[in-house]
Amino acid sequence: IHRIAHKFCSKRELSLIPEGRELEYLHLFWGAKESIYKSYGRKQVDFRAHIHLEIPRLQSALPSRALFNNGETHHEYEVHAETIGDYYLVYTFQLPS
């Protein structure tokens, strides 16, 4: 996931990752963006350009909200995650427009 982070995270998102928590953040970011991509249901999505995570600077790596905007479609999502053993379950809810 470290090798491909530049493909799905913006420079801003990468800059918010605290030292020592890269793996956790990258998995949560990937899970959130993949969930939104699946919700959108179409191809031609640039994870860096079209999906933007709102990341609180707290101890939690979890983005609280995410925005999808590809120039034609705009949606806002609430992001949730759970830790199950060594795994993360990340899911999103599209908010009403």
PDB file of N, CA and C in Angstrom:
ATOM      1  N   ILE A   1       0.834  -1.205   0.000  1.00  0.00           N
ATOM      2  CA  ILE A   1       0.000   0.000   0.000  1.00  0.00           C
ATOM      3  C   ILE A   1       0.874   1.263   0.000  1.00  0.00           C
ATOM      4  N   HIS A   2       2.049   1.184   0.606  1.00  0.00           N
ATOM      5  CA  HIS A   2       2.959   2.330   0.583  1.00  0.00           C
ATOM      6  C   HIS A   2       3.384   2.675  -0.849  1.00  0.00           C
ATOM      7  N   ARG A   3       3.634   1.635  -1.662  1.00  0.00           N
ATOM      8  CA  ARG A   3       4.116   1.853  -3.032  1.00  0.00           C
ATOM      9  C   ARG A   3       3.076   2.527  -3.923  1.00  0.00           C
ATOM     10  N   ILE A   4       1.796   2.322  -3.639  1.00  0.00           N
ATOM     11  CA  ILE A   4       0.755   2.872  -4.517  1.00  0.00           C
ATOM     12  C   ILE A   4       0.009   4.047  -3.887  1.00  0.00           C
ATOM     13  N   ALA A   5       0.400   4.487  -2.715  1.00  0.00           N
ATOM     14  CA  ALA A   5      -0.318   5.571  -2.024  1.00  0.00           C
ATOM     15  C   ALA A   5      -0.443   6.820  -2.891  1.00  0.00           C
ATOM     16  N   HIS A   6       0.579   7.126  -3.680  1.00  0.00           N
ATOM     17  CA  HIS A   6       0.540   8.317  -4.541  1.00  0.00           C
ATOM     18  C   HIS A   6      -0.532   8.222  -5.622  1.00  0.00           C
ATOM     19  N   LYS A   7      -1.046   7.017  -5.860  1.00  0.00           N
ATOM     20  CA  LYS A   7      -2.085   6.843  -6.877  1.00  0.00           C
ATOM     21  C   LYS A   7      -3.480   7.138  -6.345  1.00  0.00           C
ATOM     22  N   PHE A   8      -3.669   7.072  -5.018  1.00  0.00           N
ATOM     23  CA  PHE A   8      -5.018   7.288  -4.482  1.00  0.00           C
ATOM     24  C   PHE A   8      -5.102   8.389  -3.437  1.00  0.00           C
ATOM     25  N   CYS A   9      -3.973   8.917  -2.974  1.00  0.00           N
ATOM     26  CA  CYS A   9      -3.983  10.002  -1.992  1.00  0.00           C
ATOM     27  C   CYS A   9      -3.405  11.276  -2.597  1.00  0.00           C
ATOM     28  N   SER A  10      -4.038  12.382  -2.292  1.00  0.00           N
ATOM     29  CA  SER A  10      -3.500  13.669  -2.723  1.00  0.00           C
ATOM     30  C   SER A  10      -2.296  14.019  -1.851  1.00  0.00           C
ATOM     31  N   LYS A  11      -1.523  14.980  -2.292  1.00  0.00           N
ATOM     32  CA  LYS A  11      -0.375  15.440  -1.489  1.00  0.00           C
ATOM     33  C   LYS A  11      -0.851  15.973  -0.142  1.00  0.00           C
ATOM     34  N   ARG A  12      -1.991  16.656  -0.124  1.00  0.00           N
ATOM     35  CA  ARG A  12      -2.536  17.176   1.129  1.00  0.00           C
ATOM     36  C   ARG A  12      -2.876  16.045   2.086  1.00  0.00           C
ATOM     37  N   GLU A  13      -3.548  15.018   1.572  1.00  0.00           N
ATOM     38  CA  GLU A  13      -3.915  13.883   2.417  1.00  0.00           C
ATOM     39  C   GLU A  13      -2.664  13.194   2.967  1.00  0.00           C
ATOM     40  N   LEU A  14      -1.664  12.979   2.117  1.00  0.00           N
ATOM     41  CA  LEU A  14      -0.430  12.335   2.566  1.00  0.00           C
ATOM     42  C   LEU A  14       0.287  13.176   3.621  1.00  0.00           C
ATOM     43  N   SER A  15       0.190  14.497   3.501  1.00  0.00           N
ATOM     44  CA  SER A  15       0.891  15.376   4.451  1.00  0.00           C
ATOM     45  C   SER A  15       0.267  15.335   5.844  1.00  0.00           C
ATOM     46  N   LEU A  16      -0.968  14.870   5.964  1.00  0.00           N
ATOM     47  CA  LEU A  16      -1.651  14.832   7.250  1.00  0.00           C
ATOM     48  C   LEU A  16      -1.389  13.554   8.044  1.00  0.00           C
ATOM     49  N   ILE A  17      -0.689  12.613   7.451  1.00  0.00           N
ATOM     50  CA  ILE A  17      -0.433  11.337   8.126  1.00  0.00           C
ATOM     51  C   ILE A  17       0.686  11.514   9.148  1.00  0.00           C
ATOM     52  N   PRO A  18       0.405  11.245  10.425  1.00  0.00           N
ATOM     53  CA  PRO A  18       1.446  11.365  11.446  1.00  0.00           C
ATOM     54  C   PRO A  18       2.504  10.271  11.290  1.00  0.00           C
ATOM     55  N   GLU A  19       3.711  10.604  11.626  1.00  0.00           N
ATOM     56  CA  GLU A  19       4.806   9.638  11.563  1.00  0.00           C
ATOM     57  C   GLU A  19       4.478   8.423  12.434  1.00  0.00           C
ATOM     58  N   GLY A  20       4.734   7.258  11.883  1.00  0.00           N
ATOM     59  CA  GLY A  20       4.490   6.031  12.620  1.00  0.00           C
ATOM     60  C   GLY A  20       3.091   5.450  12.449  1.00  0.00           C
ATOM     61  N   ARG A  21       2.206   6.175  11.777  1.00  0.00           N
ATOM     62  CA  ARG A  21       0.821   5.679  11.602  1.00  0.00           C
ATOM     63  C   ARG A  21       0.446   5.569  10.131  1.00  0.00           C
ATOM     64  N   GLU A  22       1.465   5.505   9.273  1.00  0.00           N
ATOM     65  CA  GLU A  22       1.239   5.488   7.832  1.00  0.00           C
ATOM     66  C   GLU A  22       0.366   4.321   7.390  1.00  0.00           C
ATOM     67  N   LEU A  23       0.682   3.132   7.862  1.00  0.00           N
ATOM     68  CA  LEU A  23      -0.047   1.947   7.422  1.00  0.00           C
ATOM     69  C   LEU A  23      -1.536   2.045   7.777  1.00  0.00           C
ATOM     70  N   GLU A  24      -1.827   2.459   9.000  1.00  0.00           N
ATOM     71  CA  GLU A  24      -3.212   2.611   9.447  1.00  0.00           C
ATOM     72  C   GLU A  24      -3.958   3.629   8.585  1.00  0.00           C
ATOM     73  N   TYR A  25      -3.370   4.808   8.416  1.00  0.00           N
ATOM     74  CA  TYR A  25      -4.020   5.857   7.639  1.00  0.00           C
ATOM     75  C   TYR A  25      -4.241   5.430   6.193  1.00  0.00           C
ATOM     76  N   LEU A  26      -3.229   4.847   5.584  1.00  0.00           N
ATOM     77  CA  LEU A  26      -3.350   4.473   4.177  1.00  0.00           C
ATOM     78  C   LEU A  26      -4.453   3.440   3.970  1.00  0.00           C
ATOM     79  N   HIS A  27      -4.565   2.488   4.868  1.00  0.00           N
ATOM     80  CA  HIS A  27      -5.648   1.504   4.736  1.00  0.00           C
ATOM     81  C   HIS A  27      -7.015   2.160   4.912  1.00  0.00           C
ATOM     82  N   LEU A  28      -7.129   3.072   5.849  1.00  0.00           N
ATOM     83  CA  LEU A  28      -8.416   3.755   6.045  1.00  0.00           C
ATOM     84  C   LEU A  28      -8.744   4.671   4.864  1.00  0.00           C
ATOM     85  N   PHE A  29      -7.750   5.378   4.351  1.00  0.00           N
ATOM     86  CA  PHE A  29      -7.985   6.242   3.192  1.00  0.00           C
ATOM     87  C   PHE A  29      -8.417   5.408   1.988  1.00  0.00           C
ATOM     88  N   TRP A  30      -7.701   4.307   1.746  1.00  0.00           N
ATOM     89  CA  TRP A  30      -8.038   3.438   0.622  1.00  0.00           C
ATOM     90  C   TRP A  30      -9.462   2.891   0.782  1.00  0.00           C
ATOM     91  N   GLY A  31      -9.785   2.418   1.969  1.00  0.00           N
ATOM     92  CA  GLY A  31     -11.115   1.859   2.206  1.00  0.00           C
ATOM     93  C   GLY A  31     -12.216   2.869   1.961  1.00  0.00           C
ATOM     94  N   ALA A  32     -12.022   4.094   2.429  1.00  0.00           N
ATOM     95  CA  ALA A  32     -13.029   5.140   2.232  1.00  0.00           C
ATOM     96  C   ALA A  32     -13.196   5.460   0.757  1.00  0.00           C
ATOM     97  N   LYS A  33     -12.088   5.633   0.059  1.00  0.00           N
ATOM     98  CA  LYS A  33     -12.159   5.995  -1.358  1.00  0.00           C
ATOM     99  C   LYS A  33     -12.712   4.850  -2.204  1.00  0.00           C
ATOM    100  N   GLU A  34     -12.350   3.632  -1.888  1.00  0.00           N
ATOM    101  CA  GLU A  34     -12.877   2.477  -2.621  1.00  0.00           C
ATOM    102  C   GLU A  34     -14.383   2.348  -2.398  1.00  0.00           C
ATOM    103  N   SER A  35     -14.854   2.591  -1.189  1.00  0.00           N
ATOM    104  CA  SER A  35     -16.276   2.535  -0.894  1.00  0.00           C
ATOM    105  C   SER A  35     -17.046   3.571  -1.726  1.00  0.00           C
ATOM    106  N   ILE A  36     -16.505   4.763  -1.822  1.00  0.00           N
ATOM    107  CA  ILE A  36     -17.152   5.825  -2.604  1.00  0.00           C
ATOM    108  C   ILE A  36     -17.139   5.481  -4.089  1.00  0.00           C
ATOM    109  N   TYR A  37     -16.021   4.959  -4.558  1.00  0.00           N
ATOM    110  CA  TYR A  37     -15.928   4.531  -5.957  1.00  0.00           C
ATOM    111  C   TYR A  37     -16.991   3.477  -6.276  1.00  0.00           C
ATOM    112  N   LYS A  38     -17.152   2.498  -5.407  1.00  0.00           N
ATOM    113  CA  LYS A  38     -18.151   1.444  -5.625  1.00  0.00           C
ATOM    114  C   LYS A  38     -19.561   2.030  -5.587  1.00  0.00           C
ATOM    115  N   SER A  39     -19.787   3.006  -4.711  1.00  0.00           N
ATOM    116  CA  SER A  39     -21.092   3.653  -4.622  1.00  0.00           C
ATOM    117  C   SER A  39     -21.419   4.412  -5.911  1.00  0.00           C
ATOM    118  N   TYR A  40     -20.418   5.092  -6.466  1.00  0.00           N
ATOM    119  CA  TYR A  40     -20.607   5.834  -7.713  1.00  0.00           C
ATOM    120  C   TYR A  40     -20.957   4.871  -8.846  1.00  0.00           C
ATOM    121  N   GLY A  41     -20.289   3.726  -8.900  1.00  0.00           N
ATOM    122  CA  GLY A  41     -20.669   2.666  -9.815  1.00  0.00           C
ATOM    123  C   GLY A  41     -20.250   2.820 -11.264  1.00  0.00           C
ATOM    124  N   ARG A  42     -19.411   3.794 -11.559  1.00  0.00           N
ATOM    125  CA  ARG A  42     -18.944   3.980 -12.937  1.00  0.00           C
ATOM    126  C   ARG A  42     -17.426   4.057 -12.948  1.00  0.00           C
ATOM    127  N   LYS A  43     -16.862   3.834 -14.120  1.00  0.00           N
ATOM    128  CA  LYS A  43     -15.404   3.919 -14.253  1.00  0.00           C
ATOM    129  C   LYS A  43     -14.992   5.376 -14.428  1.00  0.00           C
ATOM    130  N   GLN A  44     -13.740   5.571 -14.757  1.00  0.00           N
ATOM    131  CA  GLN A  44     -13.192   6.913 -14.988  1.00  0.00           C
ATOM    132  C   GLN A  44     -13.196   7.772 -13.734  1.00  0.00           C
ATOM    133  N   VAL A  45     -12.839   7.185 -12.608  1.00  0.00           N
ATOM    134  CA  VAL A  45     -12.719   7.933 -11.355  1.00  0.00           C
ATOM    135  C   VAL A  45     -11.242   8.049 -11.007  1.00  0.00           C
ATOM    136  N   ASP A  46     -10.797   9.263 -10.794  1.00  0.00           N
ATOM    137  CA  ASP A  46      -9.439   9.525 -10.328  1.00  0.00           C
ATOM    138  C   ASP A  46      -9.515   9.696  -8.819  1.00  0.00           C
ATOM    139  N   PHE A  47      -9.003   8.724  -8.077  1.00  0.00           N
ATOM    140  CA  PHE A  47      -9.117   8.737  -6.619  1.00  0.00           C
ATOM    141  C   PHE A  47      -8.497   9.990  -6.003  1.00  0.00           C
ATOM    142  N   ARG A  48      -7.445  10.518  -6.596  1.00  0.00           N
ATOM    143  CA  ARG A  48      -6.795  11.722  -6.044  1.00  0.00           C
ATOM    144  C   ARG A  48      -7.573  12.987  -6.388  1.00  0.00           C
ATOM    145  N   ALA A  49      -8.059  13.068  -7.610  1.00  0.00           N
ATOM    146  CA  ALA A  49      -8.693  14.303  -8.075  1.00  0.00           C
ATOM    147  C   ALA A  49     -10.190  14.377  -7.778  1.00  0.00           C
ATOM    148  N   HIS A  50     -10.872  13.249  -7.752  1.00  0.00           N
ATOM    149  CA  HIS A  50     -12.334  13.261  -7.624  1.00  0.00           C
ATOM    150  C   HIS A  50     -12.851  12.972  -6.219  1.00  0.00           C
ATOM    151  N   ILE A  51     -12.039  12.341  -5.376  1.00  0.00           N
ATOM    152  CA  ILE A  51     -12.494  11.979  -4.032  1.00  0.00           C
ATOM    153  C   ILE A  51     -11.599  12.659  -3.012  1.00  0.00           C
ATOM    154  N   HIS A  52     -12.188  13.531  -2.203  1.00  0.00           N
ATOM    155  CA  HIS A  52     -11.432  14.320  -1.228  1.00  0.00           C
ATOM    156  C   HIS A  52     -11.910  13.997   0.182  1.00  0.00           C
ATOM    157  N   LEU A  53     -10.975  13.606   1.024  1.00  0.00           N
ATOM    158  CA  LEU A  53     -11.290  13.250   2.405  1.00  0.00           C
ATOM    159  C   LEU A  53     -11.121  14.453   3.310  1.00  0.00           C
ATOM    160  N   GLU A  54     -12.084  14.659   4.198  1.00  0.00           N
ATOM    161  CA  GLU A  54     -11.961  15.663   5.254  1.00  0.00           C
ATOM    162  C   GLU A  54     -11.393  14.941   6.459  1.00  0.00           C
ATOM    163  N   ILE A  55     -10.173  15.278   6.820  1.00  0.00           N
ATOM    164  CA  ILE A  55      -9.453  14.531   7.838  1.00  0.00           C
ATOM    165  C   ILE A  55      -9.258  15.400   9.071  1.00  0.00           C
ATOM    166  N   PRO A  56      -9.898  15.051  10.184  1.00  0.00           N
ATOM    167  CA  PRO A  56      -9.678  15.826  11.405  1.00  0.00           C
ATOM    168  C   PRO A  56      -8.287  15.537  11.957  1.00  0.00           C
ATOM    169  N   ARG A  57      -7.653  16.544  12.519  1.00  0.00           N
ATOM    170  CA  ARG A  57      -6.328  16.354  13.118  1.00  0.00           C
ATOM    171  C   ARG A  57      -6.501  15.920  14.562  1.00  0.00           C
ATOM    172  N   LEU A  58      -7.005  14.710  14.745  1.00  0.00           N
ATOM    173  CA  LEU A  58      -7.184  14.128  16.062  1.00  0.00           C
ATOM    174  C   LEU A  58      -6.397  12.836  16.115  1.00  0.00           C
ATOM    175  N   GLN A  59      -6.543  12.092  17.185  1.00  0.00           N
ATOM    176  CA  GLN A  59      -5.836  10.821  17.281  1.00  0.00           C
ATOM    177  C   GLN A  59      -6.391   9.782  16.327  1.00  0.00           C
ATOM    178  N   SER A  60      -7.595   9.995  15.831  1.00  0.00           N
ATOM    179  CA  SER A  60      -8.210   9.046  14.911  1.00  0.00           C
ATOM    180  C   SER A  60      -7.723   9.291  13.492  1.00  0.00           C
ATOM    181  N   ALA A  61      -7.426   8.223  12.787  1.00  0.00           N
ATOM    182  CA  ALA A  61      -7.020   8.333  11.387  1.00  0.00           C
ATOM    183  C   ALA A  61      -8.215   8.466  10.464  1.00  0.00           C
ATOM    184  N   LEU A  62      -9.389   8.287  10.983  1.00  0.00           N
ATOM    185  CA  LEU A  62     -10.567   8.210  10.144  1.00  0.00           C
ATOM    186  C   LEU A  62     -11.022   9.568   9.638  1.00  0.00           C
ATOM    187  N   PRO A  63     -11.146   9.705   8.341  1.00  0.00           N
ATOM    188  CA  PRO A  63     -11.769  10.925   7.821  1.00  0.00           C
ATOM    189  C   PRO A  63     -13.235  10.943   8.230  1.00  0.00           C
ATOM    190  N   SER A  64     -13.754  12.101   8.577  1.00  0.00           N
ATOM    191  CA  SER A  64     -15.138  12.183   9.028  1.00  0.00           C
ATOM    192  C   SER A  64     -16.116  12.279   7.864  1.00  0.00           C
ATOM    193  N   ARG A  65     -15.687  12.940   6.815  1.00  0.00           N
ATOM    194  CA  ARG A  65     -16.529  13.104   5.627  1.00  0.00           C
ATOM    195  C   ARG A  65     -15.652  13.014   4.395  1.00  0.00           C
ATOM    196  N   ALA A  66     -16.307  12.790   3.282  1.00  0.00           N
ATOM    197  CA  ALA A  66     -15.598  12.750   2.008  1.00  0.00           C
ATOM    198  C   ALA A  66     -16.482  13.398   0.956  1.00  0.00           C
ATOM    199  N   LEU A  67     -15.841  13.991  -0.018  1.00  0.00           N
ATOM    200  CA  LEU A  67     -16.553  14.630  -1.115  1.00  0.00           C
ATOM    201  C   LEU A  67     -16.173  13.945  -2.418  1.00  0.00           C
ATOM    202  N   PHE A  68     -17.162  13.675  -3.246  1.00  0.00           N
ATOM    203  CA  PHE A  68     -16.922  13.166  -4.592  1.00  0.00           C
ATOM    204  C   PHE A  68     -17.359  14.247  -5.560  1.00  0.00           C
ATOM    205  N   ASN A  69     -16.450  14.648  -6.444  1.00  0.00           N
ATOM    206  CA  ASN A  69     -16.789  15.643  -7.451  1.00  0.00           C
ATOM    207  C   ASN A  69     -15.919  15.392  -8.678  1.00  0.00           C
ATOM    208  N   ASN A  70     -16.547  14.964  -9.754  1.00  0.00           N
ATOM    209  CA  ASN A  70     -15.809  14.730 -10.992  1.00  0.00           C
ATOM    210  C   ASN A  70     -16.156  15.764 -12.060  1.00  0.00           C
ATOM    211  N   GLY A  71     -16.762  16.861 -11.656  1.00  0.00           N
ATOM    212  CA  GLY A  71     -17.158  17.901 -12.599  1.00  0.00           C
ATOM    213  C   GLY A  71     -18.591  17.756 -13.072  1.00  0.00           C
ATOM    214  N   GLU A  72     -19.114  16.539 -13.043  1.00  0.00           N
ATOM    215  CA  GLU A  72     -20.492  16.286 -13.451  1.00  0.00           C
ATOM    216  C   GLU A  72     -21.368  15.870 -12.278  1.00  0.00           C
ATOM    217  N   THR A  73     -20.787  15.125 -11.354  1.00  0.00           N
ATOM    218  CA  THR A  73     -21.514  14.586 -10.209  1.00  0.00           C
ATOM    219  C   THR A  73     -20.851  15.054  -8.940  1.00  0.00           C
ATOM    220  N   HIS A  74     -21.681  15.456  -7.972  1.00  0.00           N
ATOM    221  CA  HIS A  74     -21.154  15.901  -6.677  1.00  0.00           C
ATOM    222  C   HIS A  74     -21.962  15.215  -5.576  1.00  0.00           C
ATOM    223  N   HIS A  75     -21.262  14.502  -4.690  1.00  0.00           N
ATOM    224  CA  HIS A  75     -21.902  13.847  -3.553  1.00  0.00           C
ATOM    225  C   HIS A  75     -21.040  14.048  -2.320  1.00  0.00           C
ATOM    226  N   GLU A  76     -21.689  14.076  -1.164  1.00  0.00           N
ATOM    227  CA  GLU A  76     -20.983  14.133   0.111  1.00  0.00           C
ATOM    228  C   GLU A  76     -21.282  12.836   0.863  1.00  0.00           C
ATOM    229  N   TYR A  77     -20.264  12.315   1.547  1.00  0.00           N
ATOM    230  CA  TYR A  77     -20.384  11.044   2.252  1.00  0.00           C
ATOM    231  C   TYR A  77     -19.944  11.184   3.699  1.00  0.00           C
ATOM    232  N   GLU A  78     -20.571  10.417   4.560  1.00  0.00           N
ATOM    233  CA  GLU A  78     -20.125  10.229   5.934  1.00  0.00           C
ATOM    234  C   GLU A  78     -19.304   8.946   5.944  1.00  0.00           C
ATOM    235  N   VAL A  79     -18.145   8.970   6.595  1.00  0.00           N
ATOM    236  CA  VAL A  79     -17.230   7.826   6.582  1.00  0.00           C
ATOM    237  C   VAL A  79     -17.179   7.186   7.971  1.00  0.00           C
ATOM    238  N   HIS A  80     -17.249   5.858   7.999  1.00  0.00           N
ATOM    239  CA  HIS A  80     -17.169   5.096   9.247  1.00  0.00           C
ATOM    240  C   HIS A  80     -16.170   3.958   9.084  1.00  0.00           C
ATOM    241  N   ALA A  81     -15.607   3.508  10.203  1.00  0.00           N
ATOM    242  CA  ALA A  81     -14.692   2.363  10.155  1.00  0.00           C
ATOM    243  C   ALA A  81     -14.720   1.630  11.477  1.00  0.00           C
ATOM    244  N   GLU A  82     -14.444   0.350  11.384  1.00  0.00           N
ATOM    245  CA  GLU A  82     -14.320  -0.503  12.560  1.00  0.00           C
ATOM    246  C   GLU A  82     -13.065  -1.341  12.395  1.00  0.00           C
ATOM    247  N   THR A  83     -12.418  -1.635  13.508  1.00  0.00           N
ATOM    248  CA  THR A  83     -11.284  -2.540  13.497  1.00  0.00           C
ATOM    249  C   THR A  83     -11.774  -3.907  13.934  1.00  0.00           C
ATOM    250  N   ILE A  84     -11.465  -4.906  13.135  1.00  0.00           N
ATOM    251  CA  ILE A  84     -11.843  -6.285  13.442  1.00  0.00           C
ATOM    252  C   ILE A  84     -10.556  -7.096  13.392  1.00  0.00           C
ATOM    253  N   GLY A  85      -9.987  -7.342  14.557  1.00  0.00           N
ATOM    254  CA  GLY A  85      -8.692  -8.017  14.598  1.00  0.00           C
ATOM    255  C   GLY A  85      -7.647  -7.166  13.911  1.00  0.00           C
ATOM    256  N   ASP A  86      -7.000  -7.716  12.908  1.00  0.00           N
ATOM    257  CA  ASP A  86      -5.980  -6.994  12.140  1.00  0.00           C
ATOM    258  C   ASP A  86      -6.552  -6.319  10.898  1.00  0.00           C
ATOM    259  N   TYR A  87      -7.868  -6.266  10.781  1.00  0.00           N
ATOM    260  CA  TYR A  87      -8.504  -5.752   9.581  1.00  0.00           C
ATOM    261  C   TYR A  87      -9.322  -4.501   9.884  1.00  0.00           C
ATOM    262  N   TYR A  88      -9.522  -3.701   8.841  1.00  0.00           N
ATOM    263  CA  TYR A  88     -10.388  -2.522   8.932  1.00  0.00           C
ATOM    264  C   TYR A  88     -11.607  -2.750   8.060  1.00  0.00           C
ATOM    265  N   LEU A  89     -12.759  -2.427   8.585  1.00  0.00           N
ATOM    266  CA  LEU A  89     -13.987  -2.386   7.815  1.00  0.00           C
ATOM    267  C   LEU A  89     -14.322  -0.906   7.658  1.00  0.00           C
ATOM    268  N   VAL A  90     -14.277  -0.418   6.435  1.00  0.00           N
ATOM    269  CA  VAL A  90     -14.548   0.996   6.165  1.00  0.00           C
ATOM    270  C   VAL A  90     -15.785   1.063   5.282  1.00  0.00           C
ATOM    271  N   TYR A  91     -16.724   1.913   5.668  1.00  0.00           N
ATOM    272  CA  TYR A  91     -17.945   2.051   4.887  1.00  0.00           C
ATOM    273  C   TYR A  91     -18.392   3.499   4.894  1.00  0.00           C
ATOM    274  N   THR A  92     -19.167   3.858   3.882  1.00  0.00           N
ATOM    275  CA  THR A  92     -19.609   5.241   3.734  1.00  0.00           C
ATOM    276  C   THR A  92     -21.118   5.296   3.525  1.00  0.00           C
ATOM    277  N   PHE A  93     -21.686   6.428   3.902  1.00  0.00           N
ATOM    278  CA  PHE A  93     -23.094   6.716   3.657  1.00  0.00           C
ATOM    279  C   PHE A  93     -23.165   7.996   2.840  1.00  0.00           C
ATOM    280  N   GLN A  94     -23.869   7.937   1.724  1.00  0.00           N
ATOM    281  CA  GLN A  94     -24.055   9.145   0.935  1.00  0.00           C
ATOM    282  C   GLN A  94     -25.066  10.029   1.660  1.00  0.00           C
ATOM    283  N   LEU A  95     -24.724  11.281   1.865  1.00  0.00           N
ATOM    284  CA  LEU A  95     -25.602  12.221   2.538  1.00  0.00           C
ATOM    285  C   LEU A  95     -26.587  12.821   1.538  1.00  0.00           C
ATOM    286  N   PRO A  96     -27.780  13.160   1.999  1.00  0.00           N
ATOM    287  CA  PRO A  96     -28.769  13.758   1.095  1.00  0.00           C
ATOM    288  C   PRO A  96     -28.256  15.081   0.530  1.00  0.00           C
ATOM    289  N   SER A  97     -28.604  15.345  -0.703  1.00  0.00           N
ATOM    290  CA  SER A  97     -28.163  16.586  -1.354  1.00  0.00           C
ATOM    291  C   SER A  97     -28.899  17.779  -0.841  1.00  0.00           C
TER     292      SER A  97
END
